[in-house]
Amino acid sequence: MERPLSSPISVRLDDTTRELLEREARERKIGLSALLREIAVAAGKEARRRRTRQQMQAVADHIASSPEAREFFEFWGTPTAEL
């Protein structure tokens, strides 16, 4: 599901980087702005995954260091797909 695009942004690139990206865009048969959008979306998704992993690690660290948290986790157990 595609989301509507928001307002445009401006990015300054040095000539070498711009030429490299324009060449990549031509090879993919897309425009430079489409390539930059793909790169930005991929970077955003990776940043979200990294934050999620960091948050999950913080929860795991808390459970490992807190007897109360371990007890709570052990009482409720691990979620399963069974309903």
PDB file of N, CA and C in Angstrom:
ATOM      1  N   MET A   1       0.833  -1.178   0.000  1.00  0.00           N
ATOM      2  CA  MET A   1       0.000   0.000   0.000  1.00  0.00           C
ATOM      3  C   MET A   1       0.880   1.243   0.000  1.00  0.00           C
ATOM      4  N   GLU A   2       0.766   2.033  -1.041  1.00  0.00           N
ATOM      5  CA  GLU A   2       1.557   3.248  -1.135  1.00  0.00           C
ATOM      6  C   GLU A   2       0.892   4.374  -0.372  1.00  0.00           C
ATOM      7  N   ARG A   3       1.714   5.129   0.291  1.00  0.00           N
ATOM      8  CA  ARG A   3       1.213   6.287   1.028  1.00  0.00           C
ATOM      9  C   ARG A   3       1.398   7.522   0.159  1.00  0.00           C
ATOM     10  N   PRO A   4       0.534   8.507   0.301  1.00  0.00           N
ATOM     11  CA  PRO A   4       0.722   9.732  -0.468  1.00  0.00           C
ATOM     12  C   PRO A   4       2.015  10.414  -0.050  1.00  0.00           C
ATOM     13  N   LEU A   5       2.666  11.034  -0.997  1.00  0.00           N
ATOM     14  CA  LEU A   5       3.921  11.715  -0.711  1.00  0.00           C
ATOM     15  C   LEU A   5       3.656  13.032  -0.004  1.00  0.00           C
ATOM     16  N   SER A   6       4.551  13.370   0.904  1.00  0.00           N
ATOM     17  CA  SER A   6       4.422  14.653   1.583  1.00  0.00           C
ATOM     18  C   SER A   6       5.215  15.695   0.798  1.00  0.00           C
ATOM     19  N   SER A   7       5.469  16.804   1.393  1.00  0.00           N
ATOM     20  CA  SER A   7       6.125  17.905   0.694  1.00  0.00           C
ATOM     21  C   SER A   7       7.562  17.552   0.304  1.00  0.00           C
ATOM     22  N   PRO A   8       8.038  18.118  -0.791  1.00  0.00           N
ATOM     23  CA  PRO A   8       9.391  17.821  -1.262  1.00  0.00           C
ATOM     24  C   PRO A   8      10.447  18.406  -0.321  1.00  0.00           C
ATOM     25  N   ILE A   9      11.623  17.814  -0.389  1.00  0.00           N
ATOM     26  CA  ILE A   9      12.768  18.343   0.355  1.00  0.00           C
ATOM     27  C   ILE A   9      13.907  18.580  -0.631  1.00  0.00           C
ATOM     28  N   SER A  10      14.861  19.354  -0.219  1.00  0.00           N
ATOM     29  CA  SER A  10      16.007  19.667  -1.067  1.00  0.00           C
ATOM     30  C   SER A  10      17.257  19.070  -0.430  1.00  0.00           C
ATOM     31  N   VAL A  11      18.073  18.422  -1.248  1.00  0.00           N
ATOM     32  CA  VAL A  11      19.303  17.817  -0.757  1.00  0.00           C
ATOM     33  C   VAL A  11      20.460  18.288  -1.630  1.00  0.00           C
ATOM     34  N   ARG A  12      21.504  18.779  -1.023  1.00  0.00           N
ATOM     35  CA  ARG A  12      22.686  19.203  -1.780  1.00  0.00           C
ATOM     36  C   ARG A  12      23.666  18.037  -1.851  1.00  0.00           C
ATOM     37  N   LEU A  13      24.137  17.767  -3.055  1.00  0.00           N
ATOM     38  CA  LEU A  13      25.112  16.704  -3.279  1.00  0.00           C
ATOM     39  C   LEU A  13      26.311  17.283  -4.000  1.00  0.00           C
ATOM     40  N   ASP A  14      27.488  16.750  -3.711  1.00  0.00           N
ATOM     41  CA  ASP A  14      28.635  17.165  -4.495  1.00  0.00           C
ATOM     42  C   ASP A  14      28.494  16.553  -5.897  1.00  0.00           C
ATOM     43  N   ASP A  15      29.204  17.114  -6.850  1.00  0.00           N
ATOM     44  CA  ASP A  15      29.053  16.686  -8.248  1.00  0.00           C
ATOM     45  C   ASP A  15      29.334  15.202  -8.447  1.00  0.00           C
ATOM     46  N   THR A  16      30.355  14.690  -7.790  1.00  0.00           N
ATOM     47  CA  THR A  16      30.718  13.279  -7.952  1.00  0.00           C
ATOM     48  C   THR A  16      29.597  12.367  -7.469  1.00  0.00           C
ATOM     49  N   THR A  17      29.050  12.671  -6.308  1.00  0.00           N
ATOM     50  CA  THR A  17      27.965  11.852  -5.762  1.00  0.00           C
ATOM     51  C   THR A  17      26.725  11.944  -6.638  1.00  0.00           C
ATOM     52  N   ARG A  18      26.412  13.136  -7.090  1.00  0.00           N
ATOM     53  CA  ARG A  18      25.241  13.304  -7.958  1.00  0.00           C
ATOM     54  C   ARG A  18      25.405  12.493  -9.243  1.00  0.00           C
ATOM     55  N   GLU A  19      26.570  12.565  -9.860  1.00  0.00           N
ATOM     56  CA  GLU A  19      26.817  11.807 -11.097  1.00  0.00           C
ATOM     57  C   GLU A  19      26.694  10.308 -10.852  1.00  0.00           C
ATOM     58  N   LEU A  20      27.223   9.846  -9.747  1.00  0.00           N
ATOM     59  CA  LEU A  20      27.131   8.431  -9.400  1.00  0.00           C
ATOM     60  C   LEU A  20      25.676   8.008  -9.240  1.00  0.00           C
ATOM     61  N   LEU A  21      24.906   8.803  -8.519  1.00  0.00           N
ATOM     62  CA  LEU A  21      23.496   8.476  -8.297  1.00  0.00           C
ATOM     63  C   LEU A  21      22.675   8.600  -9.579  1.00  0.00           C
ATOM     64  N   GLU A  22      22.980   9.585 -10.409  1.00  0.00           N
ATOM     65  CA  GLU A  22      22.275   9.705 -11.690  1.00  0.00           C
ATOM     66  C   GLU A  22      22.556   8.496 -12.573  1.00  0.00           C
ATOM     67  N   ARG A  23      23.798   8.027 -12.583  1.00  0.00           N
ATOM     68  CA  ARG A  23      24.149   6.835 -13.356  1.00  0.00           C
ATOM     69  C   ARG A  23      23.380   5.618 -12.842  1.00  0.00           C
ATOM     70  N   GLU A  24      23.312   5.476 -11.517  1.00  0.00           N
ATOM     71  CA  GLU A  24      22.562   4.361 -10.918  1.00  0.00           C
ATOM     72  C   GLU A  24      21.088   4.447 -11.296  1.00  0.00           C
ATOM     73  N   ALA A  25      20.529   5.639 -11.229  1.00  0.00           N
ATOM     74  CA  ALA A  25      19.122   5.826 -11.581  1.00  0.00           C
ATOM     75  C   ALA A  25      18.878   5.463 -13.049  1.00  0.00           C
ATOM     76  N   ARG A  26      19.764   5.901 -13.943  1.00  0.00           N
ATOM     77  CA  ARG A  26      19.611   5.557 -15.366  1.00  0.00           C
ATOM     78  C   ARG A  26      19.669   4.054 -15.579  1.00  0.00           C
ATOM     79  N   GLU A  27      20.606   3.372 -14.887  1.00  0.00           N
ATOM     80  CA  GLU A  27      20.714   1.917 -15.021  1.00  0.00           C
ATOM     81  C   GLU A  27      19.443   1.219 -14.561  1.00  0.00           C
ATOM     82  N   ARG A  28      18.786   1.777 -13.551  1.00  0.00           N
ATOM     83  CA  ARG A  28      17.529   1.199 -13.052  1.00  0.00           C
ATOM     84  C   ARG A  28      16.309   1.672 -13.840  1.00  0.00           C
ATOM     85  N   LYS A  29      16.571   2.613 -14.769  1.00  0.00           N
ATOM     86  CA  LYS A  29      15.495   3.200 -15.585  1.00  0.00           C
ATOM     87  C   LYS A  29      14.445   3.918 -14.730  1.00  0.00           C
ATOM     88  N   ILE A  30      14.957   4.668 -13.753  1.00  0.00           N
ATOM     89  CA  ILE A  30      14.101   5.503 -12.916  1.00  0.00           C
ATOM     90  C   ILE A  30      14.747   6.878 -12.812  1.00  0.00           C
ATOM     91  N   GLY A  31      13.995   7.826 -12.330  1.00  0.00           N
ATOM     92  CA  GLY A  31      14.532   9.164 -12.142  1.00  0.00           C
ATOM     93  C   GLY A  31      15.381   9.259 -10.878  1.00  0.00           C
ATOM     94  N   LEU A  32      16.183  10.308 -10.830  1.00  0.00           N
ATOM     95  CA  LEU A  32      17.036  10.518  -9.657  1.00  0.00           C
ATOM     96  C   LEU A  32      16.211  10.662  -8.392  1.00  0.00           C
ATOM     97  N   SER A  33      15.111  11.405  -8.468  1.00  0.00           N
ATOM     98  CA  SER A  33      14.298  11.591  -7.256  1.00  0.00           C
ATOM     99  C   SER A  33      13.701  10.269  -6.787  1.00  0.00           C
ATOM    100  N   ALA A  34      13.322   9.390  -7.728  1.00  0.00           N
ATOM    101  CA  ALA A  34      12.791   8.078  -7.337  1.00  0.00           C
ATOM    102  C   ALA A  34      13.870   7.254  -6.654  1.00  0.00           C
ATOM    103  N   LEU A  35      15.087   7.305  -7.167  1.00  0.00           N
ATOM    104  CA  LEU A  35      16.198   6.578  -6.536  1.00  0.00           C
ATOM    105  C   LEU A  35      16.462   7.113  -5.132  1.00  0.00           C
ATOM    106  N   LEU A  36      16.518   8.435  -5.008  1.00  0.00           N
ATOM    107  CA  LEU A  36      16.756   9.024  -3.688  1.00  0.00           C
ATOM    108  C   LEU A  36      15.649   8.664  -2.712  1.00  0.00           C
ATOM    109  N   ARG A  37      14.402   8.617  -3.203  1.00  0.00           N
ATOM    110  CA  ARG A  37      13.278   8.230  -2.352  1.00  0.00           C
ATOM    111  C   ARG A  37      13.452   6.785  -1.888  1.00  0.00           C
ATOM    112  N   GLU A  38      13.831   5.887  -2.811  1.00  0.00           N
ATOM    113  CA  GLU A  38      14.067   4.478  -2.436  1.00  0.00           C
ATOM    114  C   GLU A  38      15.144   4.367  -1.366  1.00  0.00           C
ATOM    115  N   ILE A  39      16.234   5.103  -1.568  1.00  0.00           N
ATOM    116  CA  ILE A  39      17.346   5.071  -0.599  1.00  0.00           C
ATOM    117  C   ILE A  39      16.885   5.591   0.759  1.00  0.00           C
ATOM    118  N   ALA A  40      16.134   6.694   0.757  1.00  0.00           N
ATOM    119  CA  ALA A  40      15.665   7.281   2.021  1.00  0.00           C
ATOM    120  C   ALA A  40      14.682   6.358   2.726  1.00  0.00           C
ATOM    121  N   VAL A  41      13.771   5.740   1.976  1.00  0.00           N
ATOM    122  CA  VAL A  41      12.799   4.826   2.584  1.00  0.00           C
ATOM    123  C   VAL A  41      13.520   3.630   3.196  1.00  0.00           C
ATOM    124  N   ALA A  42      14.488   3.070   2.471  1.00  0.00           N
ATOM    125  CA  ALA A  42      15.246   1.927   2.996  1.00  0.00           C
ATOM    126  C   ALA A  42      16.003   2.321   4.270  1.00  0.00           C
ATOM    127  N   ALA A  43      16.594   3.504   4.271  1.00  0.00           N
ATOM    128  CA  ALA A  43      17.325   3.964   5.456  1.00  0.00           C
ATOM    129  C   ALA A  43      16.373   4.180   6.632  1.00  0.00           C
ATOM    130  N   GLY A  44      15.186   4.702   6.353  1.00  0.00           N
ATOM    131  CA  GLY A  44      14.194   4.896   7.410  1.00  0.00           C
ATOM    132  C   GLY A  44      13.747   3.577   8.017  1.00  0.00           C
ATOM    133  N   LYS A  45      13.517   2.580   7.154  1.00  0.00           N
ATOM    134  CA  LYS A  45      13.109   1.259   7.655  1.00  0.00           C
ATOM    135  C   LYS A  45      14.215   0.633   8.493  1.00  0.00           C
ATOM    136  N   GLU A  46      15.455   0.774   8.046  1.00  0.00           N
ATOM    137  CA  GLU A  46      16.572   0.222   8.815  1.00  0.00           C
ATOM    138  C   GLU A  46      16.698   0.933  10.163  1.00  0.00           C
ATOM    139  N   ALA A  47      16.510   2.236  10.186  1.00  0.00           N
ATOM    140  CA  ALA A  47      16.574   2.985  11.450  1.00  0.00           C
ATOM    141  C   ALA A  47      15.478   2.505  12.406  1.00  0.00           C
ATOM    142  N   ARG A  48      14.272   2.256  11.871  1.00  0.00           N
ATOM    143  CA  ARG A  48      13.173   1.749  12.703  1.00  0.00           C
ATOM    144  C   ARG A  48      13.517   0.366  13.250  1.00  0.00           C
ATOM    145  N   ARG A  49      14.064  -0.507  12.400  1.00  0.00           N
ATOM    146  CA  ARG A  49      14.449  -1.853  12.870  1.00  0.00           C
ATOM    147  C   ARG A  49      15.529  -1.774  13.940  1.00  0.00           C
ATOM    148  N   ARG A  50      16.498  -0.874  13.751  1.00  0.00           N
ATOM    149  CA  ARG A  50      17.576  -0.717  14.735  1.00  0.00           C
ATOM    150  C   ARG A  50      17.016  -0.242  16.074  1.00  0.00           C
ATOM    151  N   ARG A  51      16.100   0.738  16.035  1.00  0.00           N
ATOM    152  CA  ARG A  51      15.479   1.221  17.284  1.00  0.00           C
ATOM    153  C   ARG A  51      14.687   0.120  17.960  1.00  0.00           C
ATOM    154  N   THR A  52      13.960  -0.669  17.170  1.00  0.00           N
ATOM    155  CA  THR A  52      13.178  -1.761  17.740  1.00  0.00           C
ATOM    156  C   THR A  52      14.099  -2.774  18.408  1.00  0.00           C
ATOM    157  N   ARG A  53      15.198  -3.138  17.736  1.00  0.00           N
ATOM    158  CA  ARG A  53      16.154  -4.083  18.343  1.00  0.00           C
ATOM    159  C   ARG A  53      16.746  -3.518  19.628  1.00  0.00           C
ATOM    160  N   GLN A  54      17.064  -2.217  19.628  1.00  0.00           N
ATOM    161  CA  GLN A  54      17.614  -1.596  20.835  1.00  0.00           C
ATOM    162  C   GLN A  54      16.594  -1.621  21.974  1.00  0.00           C
ATOM    163  N   GLN A  55      15.339  -1.349  21.656  1.00  0.00           N
ATOM    164  CA  GLN A  55      14.303  -1.371  22.683  1.00  0.00           C
ATOM    165  C   GLN A  55      14.082  -2.785  23.209  1.00  0.00           C
ATOM    166  N   MET A  56      14.108  -3.769  22.305  1.00  0.00           N
ATOM    167  CA  MET A  56      13.952  -5.161  22.742  1.00  0.00           C
ATOM    168  C   MET A  56      15.124  -5.573  23.635  1.00  0.00           C
ATOM    169  N   GLN A  57      16.333  -5.113  23.283  1.00  0.00           N
ATOM    170  CA  GLN A  57      17.500  -5.435  24.103  1.00  0.00           C
ATOM    171  C   GLN A  57      17.383  -4.782  25.471  1.00  0.00           C
ATOM    172  N   ALA A  58      16.870  -3.552  25.525  1.00  0.00           N
ATOM    173  CA  ALA A  58      16.691  -2.870  26.808  1.00  0.00           C
ATOM    174  C   ALA A  58      15.711  -3.638  27.685  1.00  0.00           C
ATOM    175  N   VAL A  59      14.634  -4.160  27.088  1.00  0.00           N
ATOM    176  CA  VAL A  59      13.668  -4.954  27.852  1.00  0.00           C
ATOM    177  C   VAL A  59      14.334  -6.231  28.352  1.00  0.00           C
ATOM    178  N   ALA A  60      15.072  -6.908  27.472  1.00  0.00           N
ATOM    179  CA  ALA A  60      15.757  -8.145  27.870  1.00  0.00           C
ATOM    180  C   ALA A  60      16.767  -7.875  28.987  1.00  0.00           C
ATOM    181  N   ASP A  61      17.508  -6.773  28.876  1.00  0.00           N
ATOM    182  CA  ASP A  61      18.474  -6.416  29.927  1.00  0.00           C
ATOM    183  C   ASP A  61      17.760  -6.154  31.247  1.00  0.00           C
ATOM    184  N   HIS A  62      16.618  -5.476  31.172  1.00  0.00           N
ATOM    185  CA  HIS A  62      15.866  -5.196  32.398  1.00  0.00           C
ATOM    186  C   HIS A  62      15.377  -6.497  33.027  1.00  0.00           C
ATOM    187  N   ILE A  63      14.832  -7.396  32.211  1.00  0.00           N
ATOM    188  CA  ILE A  63      14.349  -8.681  32.731  1.00  0.00           C
ATOM    189  C   ILE A  63      15.489  -9.453  33.364  1.00  0.00           C
ATOM    190  N   ALA A  64      16.659  -9.435  32.706  1.00  0.00           N
ATOM    191  CA  ALA A  64      17.814 -10.175  33.223  1.00  0.00           C
ATOM    192  C   ALA A  64      18.321  -9.603  34.543  1.00  0.00           C
ATOM    193  N   SER A  65      18.162  -8.297  34.739  1.00  0.00           N
ATOM    194  CA  SER A  65      18.728  -7.678  35.939  1.00  0.00           C
ATOM    195  C   SER A  65      17.720  -7.465  37.063  1.00  0.00           C
ATOM    196  N   SER A  66      16.451  -7.744  36.824  1.00  0.00           N
ATOM    197  CA  SER A  66      15.424  -7.470  37.819  1.00  0.00           C
ATOM    198  C   SER A  66      14.699  -8.754  38.220  1.00  0.00           C
ATOM    199  N   PRO A  67      14.826  -9.163  39.469  1.00  0.00           N
ATOM    200  CA  PRO A  67      14.106 -10.351  39.915  1.00  0.00           C
ATOM    201  C   PRO A  67      12.589 -10.211  39.741  1.00  0.00           C
ATOM    202  N   GLU A  68      12.065  -9.013  39.991  1.00  0.00           N
ATOM    203  CA  GLU A  68      10.627  -8.805  39.827  1.00  0.00           C
ATOM    204  C   GLU A  68      10.210  -8.966  38.370  1.00  0.00           C
ATOM    205  N   ALA A  69      11.007  -8.438  37.463  1.00  0.00           N
ATOM    206  CA  ALA A  69      10.685  -8.553  36.041  1.00  0.00           C
ATOM    207  C   ALA A  69      10.778 -10.003  35.591  1.00  0.00           C
ATOM    208  N   ARG A  70      11.804 -10.719  36.047  1.00  0.00           N
ATOM    209  CA  ARG A  70      11.933 -12.140  35.700  1.00  0.00           C
ATOM    210  C   ARG A  70      10.739 -12.933  36.210  1.00  0.00           C
ATOM    211  N   GLU A  71      10.326 -12.650  37.446  1.00  0.00           N
ATOM    212  CA  GLU A  71       9.180 -13.354  38.023  1.00  0.00           C
ATOM    213  C   GLU A  71       7.918 -13.078  37.203  1.00  0.00           C
ATOM    214  N   PHE A  72       7.709 -11.819  36.848  1.00  0.00           N
ATOM    215  CA  PHE A  72       6.550 -11.462  36.039  1.00  0.00           C
ATOM    216  C   PHE A  72       6.586 -12.204  34.699  1.00  0.00           C
ATOM    217  N   PHE A  73       7.745 -12.194  34.040  1.00  0.00           N
ATOM    218  CA  PHE A  73       7.887 -12.843  32.741  1.00  0.00           C
ATOM    219  C   PHE A  73       7.675 -14.348  32.860  1.00  0.00           C
ATOM    220  N   GLU A  74       8.235 -14.949  33.886  1.00  0.00           N
ATOM    221  CA  GLU A  74       8.090 -16.398  34.065  1.00  0.00           C
ATOM    222  C   GLU A  74       6.633 -16.767  34.373  1.00  0.00           C
ATOM    223  N   PHE A  75       5.937 -15.902  35.130  1.00  0.00           N
ATOM    224  CA  PHE A  75       4.537 -16.170  35.449  1.00  0.00           C
ATOM    225  C   PHE A  75       3.668 -16.131  34.197  1.00  0.00           C
ATOM    226  N   TRP A  76       3.857 -15.103  33.371  1.00  0.00           N
ATOM    227  CA  TRP A  76       3.028 -14.940  32.178  1.00  0.00           C
ATOM    228  C   TRP A  76       3.526 -15.779  31.006  1.00  0.00           C
ATOM    229  N   GLY A  77       4.787 -16.172  31.025  1.00  0.00           N
ATOM    230  CA  GLY A  77       5.328 -17.026  29.975  1.00  0.00           C
ATOM    231  C   GLY A  77       5.552 -16.329  28.654  1.00  0.00           C
ATOM    232  N   THR A  78       5.879 -17.121  27.679  1.00  0.00           N
ATOM    233  CA  THR A  78       6.146 -16.629  26.336  1.00  0.00           C
ATOM    234  C   THR A  78       4.854 -16.717  25.517  1.00  0.00           C
ATOM    235  N   PRO A  79       4.496 -15.651  24.807  1.00  0.00           N
ATOM    236  CA  PRO A  79       3.285 -15.709  23.988  1.00  0.00           C
ATOM    237  C   PRO A  79       3.370 -16.823  22.927  1.00  0.00           C
ATOM    238  N   THR A  80       2.258 -17.432  22.650  1.00  0.00           N
ATOM    239  CA  THR A  80       2.207 -18.453  21.608  1.00  0.00           C
ATOM    240  C   THR A  80       1.116 -18.099  20.613  1.00  0.00           C
ATOM    241  N   ALA A  81       1.098 -18.802  19.517  1.00  0.00           N
ATOM    242  CA  ALA A  81       0.090 -18.551  18.485  1.00  0.00           C
ATOM    243  C   ALA A  81      -1.222 -19.244  18.810  1.00  0.00           C
ATOM    244  N   GLU A  82      -1.251 -20.094  19.829  1.00  0.00           N
ATOM    245  CA  GLU A  82      -2.469 -20.802  20.177  1.00  0.00           C
ATOM    246  C   GLU A  82      -3.487 -19.842  20.789  1.00  0.00           C
ATOM    247  N   LEU A  83      -4.711 -19.993  20.352  1.00  0.00           N
ATOM    248  CA  LEU A  83      -5.778 -19.152  20.919  1.00  0.00           C
ATOM    249  C   LEU A  83      -6.850 -20.007  21.532  1.00  0.00           C
TER     250      LEU A  83
END
